[in-house]
């Protein structure tokens, strides 16, 4: 039963976390997966099938843009995702909502 609650809670924050990871630089999918795993202390272990639909939706919403890298030597081309200005603005709004929700949860849980 714990898995179900954990999945539900994580699902609600994935857009925010992906946009946050893209704030500093463009990244390709596997890089996002690895960074999320490392920075979360292995709490967020995303699979391709979870991440890419999020990236495609964020791209449809014009919050991120993608571009292919050139193949260099033995390196294969990679699709990089980069946050847009609209994505930065949306992230600020999401962070505000997240803080308000987290504060509300904390107040209830303190009882």
C-alpha atoms as a PDB file:
ATOM      1  CA  UNK A   1       0.000   0.000   0.000  1.00  0.00           C
ATOM      2  CA  UNK A   2       2.867   2.424   0.712  1.00  0.00           C
ATOM      3  CA  UNK A   3       3.977   2.198  -2.934  1.00  0.00           C
ATOM      4  CA  UNK A   4       0.635   3.517  -4.134  1.00  0.00           C
ATOM      5  CA  UNK A   5       0.778   6.597  -1.890  1.00  0.00           C
ATOM      6  CA  UNK A   6       4.394   7.245  -2.755  1.00  0.00           C
ATOM      7  CA  UNK A   7       3.685   7.049  -6.509  1.00  0.00           C
ATOM      8  CA  UNK A   8       0.755   9.449  -6.186  1.00  0.00           C
ATOM      9  CA  UNK A   9       2.777  12.004  -4.226  1.00  0.00           C
ATOM     10  CA  UNK A  10       5.763  11.830  -6.567  1.00  0.00           C
ATOM     11  CA  UNK A  11       3.625  12.140  -9.702  1.00  0.00           C
ATOM     12  CA  UNK A  12       2.403  15.572  -8.651  1.00  0.00           C
ATOM     13  CA  UNK A  13       5.880  17.106  -8.453  1.00  0.00           C
ATOM     14  CA  UNK A  14       7.629  15.661 -11.520  1.00  0.00           C
ATOM     15  CA  UNK A  15       6.989  18.657 -13.810  1.00  0.00           C
ATOM     16  CA  UNK A  16       8.446  20.974 -11.177  1.00  0.00           C
ATOM     17  CA  UNK A  17      11.514  18.781 -10.677  1.00  0.00           C
ATOM     18  CA  UNK A  18      12.208  18.346 -14.397  1.00  0.00           C
ATOM     19  CA  UNK A  19      11.932  22.106 -15.003  1.00  0.00           C
ATOM     20  CA  UNK A  20      14.181  22.741 -12.002  1.00  0.00           C
ATOM     21  CA  UNK A  21      16.864  20.410 -13.354  1.00  0.00           C
ATOM     22  CA  UNK A  22      16.741  22.214 -16.704  1.00  0.00           C
ATOM     23  CA  UNK A  23      17.144  25.690 -15.123  1.00  0.00           C
ATOM     24  CA  UNK A  24      20.933  25.661 -15.188  1.00  0.00           C
ATOM     25  CA  UNK A  25      21.597  24.003 -18.553  1.00  0.00           C
ATOM     26  CA  UNK A  26      20.122  21.901 -21.348  1.00  0.00           C
ATOM     27  CA  UNK A  27      20.155  18.173 -20.614  1.00  0.00           C
ATOM     28  CA  UNK A  28      19.332  14.941 -22.432  1.00  0.00           C
ATOM     29  CA  UNK A  29      16.897  12.380 -21.043  1.00  0.00           C
ATOM     30  CA  UNK A  30      19.307   9.925 -19.428  1.00  0.00           C
ATOM     31  CA  UNK A  31      21.152  12.845 -17.844  1.00  0.00           C
ATOM     32  CA  UNK A  32      17.888  14.078 -16.278  1.00  0.00           C
ATOM     33  CA  UNK A  33      17.120  10.579 -14.974  1.00  0.00           C
ATOM     34  CA  UNK A  34      20.577  10.213 -13.423  1.00  0.00           C
ATOM     35  CA  UNK A  35      20.622  13.687 -11.907  1.00  0.00           C
ATOM     36  CA  UNK A  36      17.166  13.231 -10.412  1.00  0.00           C
ATOM     37  CA  UNK A  37      18.250   9.902  -8.926  1.00  0.00           C
ATOM     38  CA  UNK A  38      21.458  11.317  -7.450  1.00  0.00           C
ATOM     39  CA  UNK A  39      20.065  14.618  -6.152  1.00  0.00           C
ATOM     40  CA  UNK A  40      17.032  12.953  -4.544  1.00  0.00           C
ATOM     41  CA  UNK A  41      19.055  10.313  -2.727  1.00  0.00           C
ATOM     42  CA  UNK A  42      17.445   7.683  -4.975  1.00  0.00           C
ATOM     43  CA  UNK A  43      13.894   8.694  -4.007  1.00  0.00           C
ATOM     44  CA  UNK A  44      13.111   9.540  -7.644  1.00  0.00           C
ATOM     45  CA  UNK A  45      14.069   6.597  -9.860  1.00  0.00           C
ATOM     46  CA  UNK A  46      12.451   7.533 -13.162  1.00  0.00           C
ATOM     47  CA  UNK A  47      12.180   5.262 -16.143  1.00  0.00           C
ATOM     48  CA  UNK A  48      12.231   6.402 -19.765  1.00  0.00           C
ATOM     49  CA  UNK A  49       8.527   5.639 -19.992  1.00  0.00           C
ATOM     50  CA  UNK A  50       7.843   8.128 -17.213  1.00  0.00           C
ATOM     51  CA  UNK A  51      10.244  10.925 -18.182  1.00  0.00           C
ATOM     52  CA  UNK A  52       9.699  11.222 -21.928  1.00  0.00           C
ATOM     53  CA  UNK A  53       5.923  11.764 -21.809  1.00  0.00           C
ATOM     54  CA  UNK A  54       6.592  14.564 -19.300  1.00  0.00           C
ATOM     55  CA  UNK A  55       9.205  16.125 -21.592  1.00  0.00           C
ATOM     56  CA  UNK A  56       6.922  15.835 -24.634  1.00  0.00           C
ATOM     57  CA  UNK A  57       4.034  17.447 -22.740  1.00  0.00           C
ATOM     58  CA  UNK A  58       6.277  20.259 -21.454  1.00  0.00           C
ATOM     59  CA  UNK A  59       7.450  20.759 -25.030  1.00  0.00           C
ATOM     60  CA  UNK A  60       3.848  20.873 -26.311  1.00  0.00           C
ATOM     61  CA  UNK A  61       3.134  23.511 -23.652  1.00  0.00           C
ATOM     62  CA  UNK A  62       6.226  25.441 -24.858  1.00  0.00           C
ATOM     63  CA  UNK A  63       7.833  25.235 -21.420  1.00  0.00           C
ATOM     64  CA  UNK A  64      10.844  23.422 -22.888  1.00  0.00           C
ATOM     65  CA  UNK A  65      12.376  23.175 -26.339  1.00  0.00           C
ATOM     66  CA  UNK A  66      14.481  20.356 -27.728  1.00  0.00           C
ATOM     67  CA  UNK A  67      17.352  20.117 -30.155  1.00  0.00           C
ATOM     68  CA  UNK A  68      19.531  17.311 -31.436  1.00  0.00           C
ATOM     69  CA  UNK A  69      23.284  17.394 -30.846  1.00  0.00           C
ATOM     70  CA  UNK A  70      25.717  16.596 -33.642  1.00  0.00           C
ATOM     71  CA  UNK A  71      27.381  13.186 -33.535  1.00  0.00           C
ATOM     72  CA  UNK A  72      31.055  13.558 -32.658  1.00  0.00           C
ATOM     73  CA  UNK A  73      33.363  10.603 -33.129  1.00  0.00           C
ATOM     74  CA  UNK A  74      31.722   7.568 -31.548  1.00  0.00           C
ATOM     75  CA  UNK A  75      29.213   9.668 -29.646  1.00  0.00           C
ATOM     76  CA  UNK A  76      25.647   9.287 -30.902  1.00  0.00           C
ATOM     77  CA  UNK A  77      23.403  12.316 -31.432  1.00  0.00           C
ATOM     78  CA  UNK A  78      21.368  13.168 -28.338  1.00  0.00           C
ATOM     79  CA  UNK A  79      18.180  15.118 -27.932  1.00  0.00           C
ATOM     80  CA  UNK A  80      18.705  17.946 -25.445  1.00  0.00           C
ATOM     81  CA  UNK A  81      15.900  19.713 -23.615  1.00  0.00           C
ATOM     82  CA  UNK A  82      16.125  23.326 -22.512  1.00  0.00           C
ATOM     83  CA  UNK A  83      13.754  25.407 -20.397  1.00  0.00           C
ATOM     84  CA  UNK A  84      12.143  28.398 -22.135  1.00  0.00           C
ATOM     85  CA  UNK A  85      11.264  31.799 -20.659  1.00  0.00           C
ATOM     86  CA  UNK A  86       7.669  30.596 -20.406  1.00  0.00           C
ATOM     87  CA  UNK A  87       9.015  27.513 -18.592  1.00  0.00           C
ATOM     88  CA  UNK A  88      10.931  29.680 -16.122  1.00  0.00           C
ATOM     89  CA  UNK A  89       7.822  31.728 -15.436  1.00  0.00           C
ATOM     90  CA  UNK A  90       5.707  28.575 -15.012  1.00  0.00           C
ATOM     91  CA  UNK A  91       8.326  27.110 -12.674  1.00  0.00           C
ATOM     92  CA  UNK A  92       8.128  30.169 -10.420  1.00  0.00           C
ATOM     93  CA  UNK A  93       4.354  29.794 -10.286  1.00  0.00           C
ATOM     94  CA  UNK A  94       4.621  26.053  -9.578  1.00  0.00           C
ATOM     95  CA  UNK A  95       7.159  26.704  -6.802  1.00  0.00           C
ATOM     96  CA  UNK A  96       4.782  29.218  -5.192  1.00  0.00           C
ATOM     97  CA  UNK A  97       1.937  26.691  -5.295  1.00  0.00           C
ATOM     98  CA  UNK A  98       4.239  23.947  -3.966  1.00  0.00           C
ATOM     99  CA  UNK A  99       5.356  26.074  -1.005  1.00  0.00           C
ATOM    100  CA  UNK A 100       1.756  26.950  -0.156  1.00  0.00           C
ATOM    101  CA  UNK A 101       0.726  23.278  -0.288  1.00  0.00           C
ATOM    102  CA  UNK A 102       3.778  22.123   1.704  1.00  0.00           C
ATOM    103  CA  UNK A 103       3.057  24.767   4.369  1.00  0.00           C
ATOM    104  CA  UNK A 104      -0.570  23.656   4.579  1.00  0.00           C
ATOM    105  CA  UNK A 105       0.439  20.020   4.893  1.00  0.00           C
ATOM    106  CA  UNK A 106       2.951  20.864   7.616  1.00  0.00           C
ATOM    107  CA  UNK A 107       0.304  22.734   9.604  1.00  0.00           C
ATOM    108  CA  UNK A 108      -2.071  19.769   9.435  1.00  0.00           C
ATOM    109  CA  UNK A 109       0.627  17.193  10.240  1.00  0.00           C
ATOM    110  CA  UNK A 110       1.819  19.150  13.310  1.00  0.00           C
ATOM    111  CA  UNK A 111      -1.487  18.522  15.117  1.00  0.00           C
END
